[in-house]
Amino acid sequence: MRLGEEQIMKVARRTDFGVYLRDINDFHKNDEDAAEVLLPRNQIKEVLREGDEISVFIYKDSEDRLIATRITPLIKLGEIGRLTVNQVTNVGAFLNWGLPKDLLLPFAEQVVRVKEGDEILVAMYIDNSDRLCATMKIYDYLSTDSPYKKDDEVSGTVYEIIDSFGAYVAVDDKYSAMVPKKELVKKLKVGDKVTARVTEIKEDGKIDLSLRKKSYEQMDDDATVIMKKLNENNGELPFSDKSDAEAIKENFGMSKAAFKRAIGRLYKEHKIIIEPDNIKSVG
């Protein structure tokens, strides 16, 4: 019997409270040698006889006993899925995965603290106590065989942020990707959904992303942002091509290089004046 998976089993015997199932390969073993699992009566809609085959999912009930169900859960062993937090206790969070017993997300497997009602991206694993659990540390569960290529636009979910590297993203909630630190032109947090541009497919299949369009496409958007801020500030801003890069990123959501390209275009179009310490709109 494979915990956390769907499998075909055979009816070994019937009781008043359900039927006991065996693995197909164990069906003809002696009773004392064959492992059995209960499929409760409330899961049975038809007459099942000894030897009948049935597809079930194996998990553990509230008393930590193996149990079979015909309900297909929202996530299975080794899979990634979006689950909702039903409750947070002193041992961790409990997630709704479609079965009567909620799935435990231990505190040690949370990359950020979650709260009731949160919808989070998790994978399922078996812990050291042979229990099914969830983890938000999904890096090793993501696929590296995406169909995307350079410059494609993709969507995904931020699942972890490491300041020295960047924001880790699950593209389509299944493919491994990252927005490198140098491309983080705005603050992101775990759980954010992002639309980004593929900048590189690495040899191992992992994807590098940018939150910005190609420079020649992005320049129009950046110029629009700058003009909007000028209009909101009486036609003058205390920024120029010599301003601090972090201050530019914080105020405009773009790199210093992108800012310089945009104000250069606006200057050539006679829409702004560039002074040593500020820019002004013309007219």
C-alpha atoms as a PDB file:
ATOM      1  CA  MET A   1       0.000   0.000   0.000  1.00  0.00           C
ATOM      2  CA  ARG A   2       1.400   3.341  -1.066  1.00  0.00           C
ATOM      3  CA  LEU A   3       0.620   6.165   1.355  1.00  0.00           C
ATOM      4  CA  GLY A   4      -0.453   9.386  -0.360  1.00  0.00           C
ATOM      5  CA  GLU A   5      -1.182   7.772  -3.724  1.00  0.00           C
ATOM      6  CA  GLU A   6      -4.121   6.403  -5.699  1.00  0.00           C
ATOM      7  CA  GLN A   7      -3.910   2.698  -6.487  1.00  0.00           C
ATOM      8  CA  ILE A   8      -5.985  -0.275  -7.614  1.00  0.00           C
ATOM      9  CA  MET A   9      -6.803  -2.698  -4.770  1.00  0.00           C
ATOM     10  CA  LYS A  10      -8.938  -5.815  -4.388  1.00  0.00           C
ATOM     11  CA  VAL A  11     -11.756  -6.465  -1.947  1.00  0.00           C
ATOM     12  CA  ALA A  12     -10.513  -9.069   0.555  1.00  0.00           C
ATOM     13  CA  ARG A  13     -13.537  -9.271   2.881  1.00  0.00           C
ATOM     14  CA  ARG A  14     -16.704  -7.441   3.801  1.00  0.00           C
ATOM     15  CA  THR A  15     -17.835  -6.252   7.234  1.00  0.00           C
ATOM     16  CA  ASP A  16     -20.754  -4.282   8.626  1.00  0.00           C
ATOM     17  CA  PHE A  17     -18.650  -1.081   8.620  1.00  0.00           C
ATOM     18  CA  GLY A  18     -17.051  -1.348   5.180  1.00  0.00           C
ATOM     19  CA  VAL A  19     -14.752  -3.576   3.156  1.00  0.00           C
ATOM     20  CA  TYR A  20     -11.123  -4.480   3.718  1.00  0.00           C
ATOM     21  CA  LEU A  21      -8.845  -4.109   0.709  1.00  0.00           C
ATOM     22  CA  ARG A  22      -5.537  -5.677  -0.222  1.00  0.00           C
ATOM     23  CA  ASP A  23      -2.890  -4.792  -2.737  1.00  0.00           C
ATOM     24  CA  ILE A  24      -3.427  -6.801  -5.923  1.00  0.00           C
ATOM     25  CA  ASN A  25      -0.086  -8.585  -5.449  1.00  0.00           C
ATOM     26  CA  ASP A  26      -0.978  -9.576  -1.871  1.00  0.00           C
ATOM     27  CA  PHE A  27      -4.502 -10.754  -2.545  1.00  0.00           C
ATOM     28  CA  HIS A  28      -3.773 -14.487  -2.425  1.00  0.00           C
ATOM     29  CA  LYS A  29      -1.363 -14.374   0.528  1.00  0.00           C
ATOM     30  CA  ASN A  30      -2.237 -15.940   3.868  1.00  0.00           C
ATOM     31  CA  ASP A  31      -4.333 -13.661   6.058  1.00  0.00           C
ATOM     32  CA  GLU A  32      -1.547 -13.180   8.588  1.00  0.00           C
ATOM     33  CA  ASP A  33       0.920 -12.135   5.849  1.00  0.00           C
ATOM     34  CA  ALA A  34      -1.278  -9.702   3.896  1.00  0.00           C
ATOM     35  CA  ALA A  35      -1.728  -6.054   4.840  1.00  0.00           C
ATOM     36  CA  GLU A  36      -5.289  -4.763   4.644  1.00  0.00           C
ATOM     37  CA  VAL A  37      -6.871  -1.326   4.689  1.00  0.00           C
ATOM     38  CA  LEU A  38     -10.470  -0.359   5.425  1.00  0.00           C
ATOM     39  CA  LEU A  39     -12.721   1.389   2.921  1.00  0.00           C
ATOM     40  CA  PRO A  40     -15.525   2.750   5.157  1.00  0.00           C
ATOM     41  CA  ARG A  41     -19.134   1.948   4.391  1.00  0.00           C
ATOM     42  CA  ASN A  42     -19.995   5.588   3.604  1.00  0.00           C
ATOM     43  CA  GLN A  43     -17.604   5.342   0.620  1.00  0.00           C
ATOM     44  CA  ILE A  44     -19.465   2.418  -0.914  1.00  0.00           C
ATOM     45  CA  LYS A  45     -22.434   3.015  -3.219  1.00  0.00           C
ATOM     46  CA  GLU A  46     -22.607  -0.377  -4.928  1.00  0.00           C
ATOM     47  CA  VAL A  47     -22.373  -4.040  -3.936  1.00  0.00           C
ATOM     48  CA  LEU A  48     -18.710  -5.028  -3.673  1.00  0.00           C
ATOM     49  CA  ARG A  49     -17.735  -8.672  -3.606  1.00  0.00           C
ATOM     50  CA  GLU A  50     -14.532 -10.447  -2.704  1.00  0.00           C
ATOM     51  CA  GLY A  51     -12.003 -10.081  -5.517  1.00  0.00           C
ATOM     52  CA  ASP A  52     -13.561  -6.934  -6.997  1.00  0.00           C
ATOM     53  CA  GLU A  53     -11.014  -4.292  -8.009  1.00  0.00           C
ATOM     54  CA  ILE A  54     -11.426  -0.689  -6.912  1.00  0.00           C
ATOM     55  CA  SER A  55      -9.355   2.510  -7.182  1.00  0.00           C
ATOM     56  CA  VAL A  56      -8.726   4.238  -3.837  1.00  0.00           C
ATOM     57  CA  PHE A  57      -6.471   6.846  -2.234  1.00  0.00           C
ATOM     58  CA  ILE A  58      -4.544   5.810   0.897  1.00  0.00           C
ATOM     59  CA  TYR A  59      -3.996   8.214   3.804  1.00  0.00           C
ATOM     60  CA  LYS A  60      -4.161   8.150   7.624  1.00  0.00           C
ATOM     61  CA  ASP A  61      -7.206   8.926   9.732  1.00  0.00           C
ATOM     62  CA  SER A  62      -7.370  11.007  12.930  1.00  0.00           C
ATOM     63  CA  GLU A  63      -6.131   8.001  14.930  1.00  0.00           C
ATOM     64  CA  ASP A  64      -3.112   7.594  12.625  1.00  0.00           C
ATOM     65  CA  ARG A  65      -4.448   4.420  11.007  1.00  0.00           C
ATOM     66  CA  LEU A  66      -4.205   3.723   7.282  1.00  0.00           C
ATOM     67  CA  ILE A  67      -7.573   4.326   5.634  1.00  0.00           C
ATOM     68  CA  ALA A  68      -8.839   4.153   2.048  1.00  0.00           C
ATOM     69  CA  THR A  69     -11.094   6.680   0.326  1.00  0.00           C
ATOM     70  CA  ARG A  70     -12.654   7.048  -3.099  1.00  0.00           C
ATOM     71  CA  ILE A  71     -12.488  10.840  -2.792  1.00  0.00           C
ATOM     72  CA  THR A  72      -9.735  12.326  -4.953  1.00  0.00           C
ATOM     73  CA  PRO A  73      -7.796  14.802  -2.780  1.00  0.00           C
ATOM     74  CA  LEU A  74      -6.669  18.210  -4.012  1.00  0.00           C
ATOM     75  CA  ILE A  75      -3.027  17.134  -3.765  1.00  0.00           C
ATOM     76  CA  LYS A  76      -1.163  13.812  -3.736  1.00  0.00           C
ATOM     77  CA  LEU A  77       2.308  12.689  -2.700  1.00  0.00           C
ATOM     78  CA  GLY A  78       5.021  14.636  -4.544  1.00  0.00           C
ATOM     79  CA  GLU A  79       2.543  17.024  -6.164  1.00  0.00           C
ATOM     80  CA  ILE A  80       2.231  20.806  -5.869  1.00  0.00           C
ATOM     81  CA  GLY A  81      -1.136  22.418  -5.262  1.00  0.00           C
ATOM     82  CA  ARG A  82      -2.955  25.458  -3.887  1.00  0.00           C
ATOM     83  CA  LEU A  83      -4.580  24.742  -0.540  1.00  0.00           C
ATOM     84  CA  THR A  84      -6.483  26.929   1.917  1.00  0.00           C
ATOM     85  CA  VAL A  85      -5.481  27.274   5.574  1.00  0.00           C
ATOM     86  CA  ASN A  86      -8.378  26.064   7.741  1.00  0.00           C
ATOM     87  CA  GLN A  87      -6.746  26.507  11.137  1.00  0.00           C
ATOM     88  CA  VAL A  88      -3.466  27.481  12.809  1.00  0.00           C
ATOM     89  CA  THR A  89      -2.492  25.708  16.035  1.00  0.00           C
ATOM     90  CA  ASN A  90       0.601  25.352  18.216  1.00  0.00           C
ATOM     91  CA  VAL A  91       1.954  22.565  15.966  1.00  0.00           C
ATOM     92  CA  GLY A  92       1.442  24.284  12.635  1.00  0.00           C
ATOM     93  CA  ALA A  93      -1.291  25.072  10.133  1.00  0.00           C
ATOM     94  CA  PHE A  94      -3.950  22.658   8.943  1.00  0.00           C
ATOM     95  CA  LEU A  95      -4.909  22.804   5.269  1.00  0.00           C
ATOM     96  CA  ASN A  96      -8.052  21.785   3.421  1.00  0.00           C
ATOM     97  CA  TRP A  97      -7.083  19.154   0.867  1.00  0.00           C
ATOM     98  CA  GLY A  98     -10.564  17.775   0.264  1.00  0.00           C
ATOM     99  CA  LEU A  99     -10.512  14.926   2.817  1.00  0.00           C
ATOM    100  CA  PRO A 100     -12.114  14.722   6.295  1.00  0.00           C
ATOM    101  CA  LYS A 101      -8.769  15.031   8.104  1.00  0.00           C
ATOM    102  CA  ASP A 102      -6.907  18.277   7.317  1.00  0.00           C
ATOM    103  CA  LEU A 103      -3.306  18.178   6.082  1.00  0.00           C
ATOM    104  CA  LEU A 104      -0.626  19.437   8.491  1.00  0.00           C
ATOM    105  CA  LEU A 105       1.789  22.175   7.413  1.00  0.00           C
ATOM    106  CA  PRO A 106       4.423  22.197  10.211  1.00  0.00           C
ATOM    107  CA  PHE A 107       5.918  25.520  11.280  1.00  0.00           C
ATOM    108  CA  ALA A 108       9.337  24.263  10.138  1.00  0.00           C
ATOM    109  CA  GLU A 109       7.973  23.894   6.582  1.00  0.00           C
ATOM    110  CA  GLN A 110       6.590  27.453   6.364  1.00  0.00           C
ATOM    111  CA  VAL A 111       8.724  30.022   4.545  1.00  0.00           C
ATOM    112  CA  VAL A 112       6.452  32.743   5.987  1.00  0.00           C
ATOM    113  CA  ARG A 113       3.873  32.446   8.748  1.00  0.00           C
ATOM    114  CA  VAL A 114       0.425  31.719   7.372  1.00  0.00           C
ATOM    115  CA  LYS A 115      -2.992  32.557   8.799  1.00  0.00           C
ATOM    116  CA  GLU A 116      -6.506  31.180   8.545  1.00  0.00           C
ATOM    117  CA  GLY A 117      -8.007  31.745   5.103  1.00  0.00           C
ATOM    118  CA  ASP A 118      -4.692  32.062   3.249  1.00  0.00           C
ATOM    119  CA  GLU A 119      -4.413  30.200  -0.060  1.00  0.00           C
ATOM    120  CA  ILE A 120      -0.873  28.882  -0.334  1.00  0.00           C
ATOM    121  CA  LEU A 121       1.253  26.861  -2.721  1.00  0.00           C
ATOM    122  CA  VAL A 122       2.535  23.642  -1.133  1.00  0.00           C
ATOM    123  CA  ALA A 123       3.888  20.198  -1.960  1.00  0.00           C
ATOM    124  CA  MET A 124       3.096  16.961  -0.134  1.00  0.00           C
ATOM    125  CA  TYR A 125       5.718  14.708   1.463  1.00  0.00           C
ATOM    126  CA  ILE A 126       5.981  11.930   4.068  1.00  0.00           C
ATOM    127  CA  ASP A 127       7.680  13.055   7.300  1.00  0.00           C
ATOM    128  CA  ASN A 128       9.950  11.058   9.608  1.00  0.00           C
ATOM    129  CA  SER A 129       6.908   9.778  11.523  1.00  0.00           C
ATOM    130  CA  ASP A 130       5.424   8.297   8.324  1.00  0.00           C
ATOM    131  CA  ARG A 131       2.709  10.975   8.124  1.00  0.00           C
ATOM    132  CA  LEU A 132       1.536  12.927   5.107  1.00  0.00           C
ATOM    133  CA  CYS A 133       2.452  16.598   5.518  1.00  0.00           C
ATOM    134  CA  ALA A 134       2.654  19.772   3.437  1.00  0.00           C
ATOM    135  CA  THR A 135       5.649  22.013   2.806  1.00  0.00           C
ATOM    136  CA  MET A 136       5.972  25.508   1.362  1.00  0.00           C
ATOM    137  CA  LYS A 137       9.590  24.687   0.426  1.00  0.00           C
ATOM    138  CA  ILE A 138       8.692  23.530  -3.065  1.00  0.00           C
ATOM    139  CA  TYR A 139      11.994  24.169  -4.913  1.00  0.00           C
ATOM    140  CA  ASP A 140      12.798  20.453  -5.276  1.00  0.00           C
ATOM    141  CA  TYR A 141       9.275  19.593  -6.444  1.00  0.00           C
ATOM    142  CA  LEU A 142       9.183  21.987  -9.413  1.00  0.00           C
ATOM    143  CA  SER A 143       9.673  20.838 -12.988  1.00  0.00           C
ATOM    144  CA  THR A 144      12.512  22.035 -15.236  1.00  0.00           C
ATOM    145  CA  ASP A 145      11.022  20.984 -18.575  1.00  0.00           C
ATOM    146  CA  SER A 146       8.866  24.024 -19.305  1.00  0.00           C
ATOM    147  CA  PRO A 147       7.691  24.725 -22.879  1.00  0.00           C
ATOM    148  CA  TYR A 148       8.799  28.372 -22.688  1.00  0.00           C
ATOM    149  CA  LYS A 149      11.592  30.153 -24.527  1.00  0.00           C
ATOM    150  CA  LYS A 150      13.446  33.454 -24.244  1.00  0.00           C
ATOM    151  CA  ASP A 151      11.210  36.573 -24.304  1.00  0.00           C
ATOM    152  CA  ASP A 152       7.996  34.609 -23.661  1.00  0.00           C
ATOM    153  CA  GLU A 153       5.593  36.202 -21.190  1.00  0.00           C
ATOM    154  CA  VAL A 154       4.749  33.902 -18.281  1.00  0.00           C
ATOM    155  CA  SER A 155       2.744  34.007 -15.052  1.00  0.00           C
ATOM    156  CA  GLY A 156       3.587  32.457 -11.721  1.00  0.00           C
ATOM    157  CA  THR A 157       3.559  32.610  -7.933  1.00  0.00           C
ATOM    158  CA  VAL A 158       6.363  33.843  -5.672  1.00  0.00           C
ATOM    159  CA  TYR A 159       7.059  31.012  -3.222  1.00  0.00           C
ATOM    160  CA  GLU A 160      10.290  32.158  -1.550  1.00  0.00           C
ATOM    161  CA  ILE A 161      12.508  35.242  -1.386  1.00  0.00           C
ATOM    162  CA  ILE A 162      16.219  35.112  -0.595  1.00  0.00           C
ATOM    163  CA  ASP A 163      17.602  38.640  -0.418  1.00  0.00           C
ATOM    164  CA  SER A 164      21.040  37.723  -1.764  1.00  0.00           C
ATOM    165  CA  PHE A 165      19.634  35.878  -4.817  1.00  0.00           C
ATOM    166  CA  GLY A 166      16.156  37.145  -5.669  1.00  0.00           C
ATOM    167  CA  ALA A 167      12.554  35.975  -5.761  1.00  0.00           C
ATOM    168  CA  TYR A 168      11.820  32.314  -6.528  1.00  0.00           C
ATOM    169  CA  VAL A 169       8.759  31.823  -8.729  1.00  0.00           C
ATOM    170  CA  ALA A 170       6.674  28.779  -9.638  1.00  0.00           C
ATOM    171  CA  VAL A 171       5.696  29.518 -13.243  1.00  0.00           C
ATOM    172  CA  ASP A 172       2.203  28.109 -13.901  1.00  0.00           C
ATOM    173  CA  ASP A 173       2.606  26.818 -10.314  1.00  0.00           C
ATOM    174  CA  LYS A 174       4.783  23.979 -11.676  1.00  0.00           C
ATOM    175  CA  TYR A 175       7.998  25.211 -13.384  1.00  0.00           C
ATOM    176  CA  SER A 176      11.160  26.372 -11.593  1.00  0.00           C
ATOM    177  CA  ALA A 177      12.049  30.040 -12.140  1.00  0.00           C
ATOM    178  CA  MET A 178      13.648  33.023 -10.434  1.00  0.00           C
ATOM    179  CA  VAL A 179      13.621  36.797 -10.675  1.00  0.00           C
ATOM    180  CA  PRO A 180      17.306  37.608  -9.960  1.00  0.00           C
ATOM    181  CA  LYS A 181      18.070  40.317  -7.419  1.00  0.00           C
ATOM    182  CA  LYS A 182      19.125  42.789 -10.136  1.00  0.00           C
ATOM    183  CA  GLU A 183      15.681  42.436 -11.762  1.00  0.00           C
ATOM    184  CA  LEU A 184      13.704  43.101  -8.587  1.00  0.00           C
ATOM    185  CA  VAL A 185      12.534  46.596  -9.489  1.00  0.00           C
ATOM    186  CA  LYS A 186       9.652  46.372  -7.020  1.00  0.00           C
ATOM    187  CA  LYS A 187       9.077  44.706  -3.679  1.00  0.00           C
ATOM    188  CA  LEU A 188       7.599  41.225  -3.833  1.00  0.00           C
ATOM    189  CA  LYS A 189       6.361  38.945  -1.092  1.00  0.00           C
ATOM    190  CA  VAL A 190       5.612  35.239  -0.851  1.00  0.00           C
ATOM    191  CA  GLY A 191       2.249  34.494  -2.447  1.00  0.00           C
ATOM    192  CA  ASP A 192       2.377  37.357  -4.956  1.00  0.00           C
ATOM    193  CA  LYS A 193       1.256  36.466  -8.467  1.00  0.00           C
ATOM    194  CA  VAL A 194       3.529  37.973 -11.119  1.00  0.00           C
ATOM    195  CA  THR A 195       3.644  38.328 -14.877  1.00  0.00           C
ATOM    196  CA  ALA A 196       7.191  38.355 -16.182  1.00  0.00           C
ATOM    197  CA  ARG A 197       9.392  37.989 -19.261  1.00  0.00           C
ATOM    198  CA  VAL A 198      11.709  35.009 -19.761  1.00  0.00           C
ATOM    199  CA  THR A 199      15.274  36.320 -20.053  1.00  0.00           C
ATOM    200  CA  GLU A 200      17.149  33.002 -20.026  1.00  0.00           C
ATOM    201  CA  ILE A 201      16.579  29.249 -19.991  1.00  0.00           C
ATOM    202  CA  LYS A 202      19.526  27.760 -18.127  1.00  0.00           C
ATOM    203  CA  GLU A 203      21.224  24.483 -19.046  1.00  0.00           C
ATOM    204  CA  ASP A 204      19.427  22.697 -16.200  1.00  0.00           C
ATOM    205  CA  GLY A 205      16.045  23.946 -17.481  1.00  0.00           C
ATOM    206  CA  LYS A 206      15.479  26.541 -14.771  1.00  0.00           C
ATOM    207  CA  ILE A 207      14.153  29.925 -15.923  1.00  0.00           C
ATOM    208  CA  ASP A 208      15.396  33.443 -15.249  1.00  0.00           C
ATOM    209  CA  LEU A 209      12.750  36.151 -15.333  1.00  0.00           C
ATOM    210  CA  SER A 210      12.449  39.910 -15.574  1.00  0.00           C
ATOM    211  CA  LEU A 211       9.476  41.921 -14.350  1.00  0.00           C
ATOM    212  CA  ARG A 212      10.090  44.404 -17.156  1.00  0.00           C
ATOM    213  CA  LYS A 213       9.632  44.306 -20.926  1.00  0.00           C
ATOM    214  CA  LYS A 214      12.518  44.603 -23.381  1.00  0.00           C
ATOM    215  CA  SER A 215      14.209  47.982 -22.991  1.00  0.00           C
ATOM    216  CA  TYR A 216      12.854  49.468 -26.215  1.00  0.00           C
ATOM    217  CA  GLU A 217       9.313  48.372 -25.273  1.00  0.00           C
ATOM    218  CA  GLN A 218       9.659  49.330 -21.631  1.00  0.00           C
ATOM    219  CA  MET A 219      10.878  52.846 -22.398  1.00  0.00           C
ATOM    220  CA  ASP A 220       7.403  54.087 -23.344  1.00  0.00           C
ATOM    221  CA  ASP A 221       5.935  52.766 -20.106  1.00  0.00           C
ATOM    222  CA  ASP A 222       8.769  54.268 -18.055  1.00  0.00           C
ATOM    223  CA  ALA A 223       8.375  57.654 -19.729  1.00  0.00           C
ATOM    224  CA  THR A 224       4.649  57.563 -18.962  1.00  0.00           C
ATOM    225  CA  VAL A 225       5.368  56.832 -15.291  1.00  0.00           C
ATOM    226  CA  ILE A 226       7.794  59.764 -15.070  1.00  0.00           C
ATOM    227  CA  MET A 227       5.409  62.200 -16.745  1.00  0.00           C
ATOM    228  CA  LYS A 228       2.583  61.097 -14.436  1.00  0.00           C
ATOM    229  CA  LYS A 229       4.739  61.753 -11.385  1.00  0.00           C
ATOM    230  CA  LEU A 230       5.784  65.139 -12.788  1.00  0.00           C
ATOM    231  CA  ASN A 231       2.135  66.094 -13.266  1.00  0.00           C
ATOM    232  CA  GLU A 232       1.385  65.021  -9.694  1.00  0.00           C
ATOM    233  CA  ASN A 233       4.235  67.150  -8.328  1.00  0.00           C
ATOM    234  CA  ASN A 234       3.639  70.477 -10.056  1.00  0.00           C
ATOM    235  CA  GLY A 235       5.927  69.627 -12.972  1.00  0.00           C
ATOM    236  CA  GLU A 236       9.127  69.128 -10.978  1.00  0.00           C
ATOM    237  CA  LEU A 237      10.908  66.157  -9.380  1.00  0.00           C
ATOM    238  CA  PRO A 238      14.162  66.074  -7.343  1.00  0.00           C
ATOM    239  CA  PHE A 239      15.708  63.370  -9.546  1.00  0.00           C
ATOM    240  CA  SER A 240      18.193  63.436 -12.396  1.00  0.00           C
ATOM    241  CA  ASP A 241      20.567  61.089 -14.212  1.00  0.00           C
ATOM    242  CA  LYS A 242      22.931  61.481 -11.240  1.00  0.00           C
ATOM    243  CA  SER A 243      20.396  60.372  -8.594  1.00  0.00           C
ATOM    244  CA  ASP A 244      20.958  57.337  -6.383  1.00  0.00           C
ATOM    245  CA  ALA A 245      19.929  54.036  -8.017  1.00  0.00           C
ATOM    246  CA  GLU A 246      18.057  52.756  -4.947  1.00  0.00           C
ATOM    247  CA  ALA A 247      16.120  56.011  -4.627  1.00  0.00           C
ATOM    248  CA  ILE A 248      15.105  55.740  -8.296  1.00  0.00           C
ATOM    249  CA  LYS A 249      13.986  52.138  -7.854  1.00  0.00           C
ATOM    250  CA  GLU A 250      12.007  53.014  -4.716  1.00  0.00           C
ATOM    251  CA  ASN A 251      10.214  55.978  -6.300  1.00  0.00           C
ATOM    252  CA  PHE A 252       9.770  54.884  -9.919  1.00  0.00           C
ATOM    253  CA  GLY A 253       9.976  51.084  -9.879  1.00  0.00           C
ATOM    254  CA  MET A 254      12.762  51.009 -12.463  1.00  0.00           C
ATOM    255  CA  SER A 255      16.526  50.722 -12.613  1.00  0.00           C
ATOM    256  CA  LYS A 256      18.752  53.770 -12.925  1.00  0.00           C
ATOM    257  CA  ALA A 257      19.657  52.747 -16.494  1.00  0.00           C
ATOM    258  CA  ALA A 258      15.972  52.544 -17.431  1.00  0.00           C
ATOM    259  CA  PHE A 259      15.318  55.920 -15.774  1.00  0.00           C
ATOM    260  CA  LYS A 260      18.125  57.521 -17.749  1.00  0.00           C
ATOM    261  CA  ARG A 261      16.827  56.065 -21.013  1.00  0.00           C
ATOM    262  CA  ALA A 262      13.320  57.346 -20.305  1.00  0.00           C
ATOM    263  CA  ILE A 263      14.298  60.886 -19.340  1.00  0.00           C
ATOM    264  CA  GLY A 264      16.638  60.956 -22.335  1.00  0.00           C
ATOM    265  CA  ARG A 265      13.699  60.207 -24.613  1.00  0.00           C
ATOM    266  CA  LEU A 266      11.498  62.801 -22.874  1.00  0.00           C
ATOM    267  CA  TYR A 267      14.290  65.381 -23.245  1.00  0.00           C
ATOM    268  CA  LYS A 268      14.663  64.671 -26.981  1.00  0.00           C
ATOM    269  CA  GLU A 269      10.900  65.005 -27.357  1.00  0.00           C
ATOM    270  CA  HIS A 270      11.145  68.423 -25.625  1.00  0.00           C
ATOM    271  CA  LYS A 271       8.833  67.308 -22.841  1.00  0.00           C
ATOM    272  CA  ILE A 272      11.248  67.879 -19.948  1.00  0.00           C
ATOM    273  CA  ILE A 273      14.283  69.875 -18.924  1.00  0.00           C
ATOM    274  CA  ILE A 274      17.091  68.010 -17.155  1.00  0.00           C
ATOM    275  CA  GLU A 275      18.952  70.040 -14.504  1.00  0.00           C
ATOM    276  CA  PRO A 276      21.836  68.857 -12.287  1.00  0.00           C
ATOM    277  CA  ASP A 277      19.545  67.842  -9.408  1.00  0.00           C
ATOM    278  CA  ASN A 278      16.052  67.702 -10.844  1.00  0.00           C
ATOM    279  CA  ILE A 279      13.840  67.369 -13.877  1.00  0.00           C
ATOM    280  CA  LYS A 280      11.057  69.728 -14.949  1.00  0.00           C
ATOM    281  CA  SER A 281       8.236  69.340 -17.397  1.00  0.00           C
ATOM    282  CA  VAL A 282       8.167  71.816 -20.289  1.00  0.00           C
ATOM    283  CA  GLY A 283       5.201  74.179 -20.151  1.00  0.00           C
END
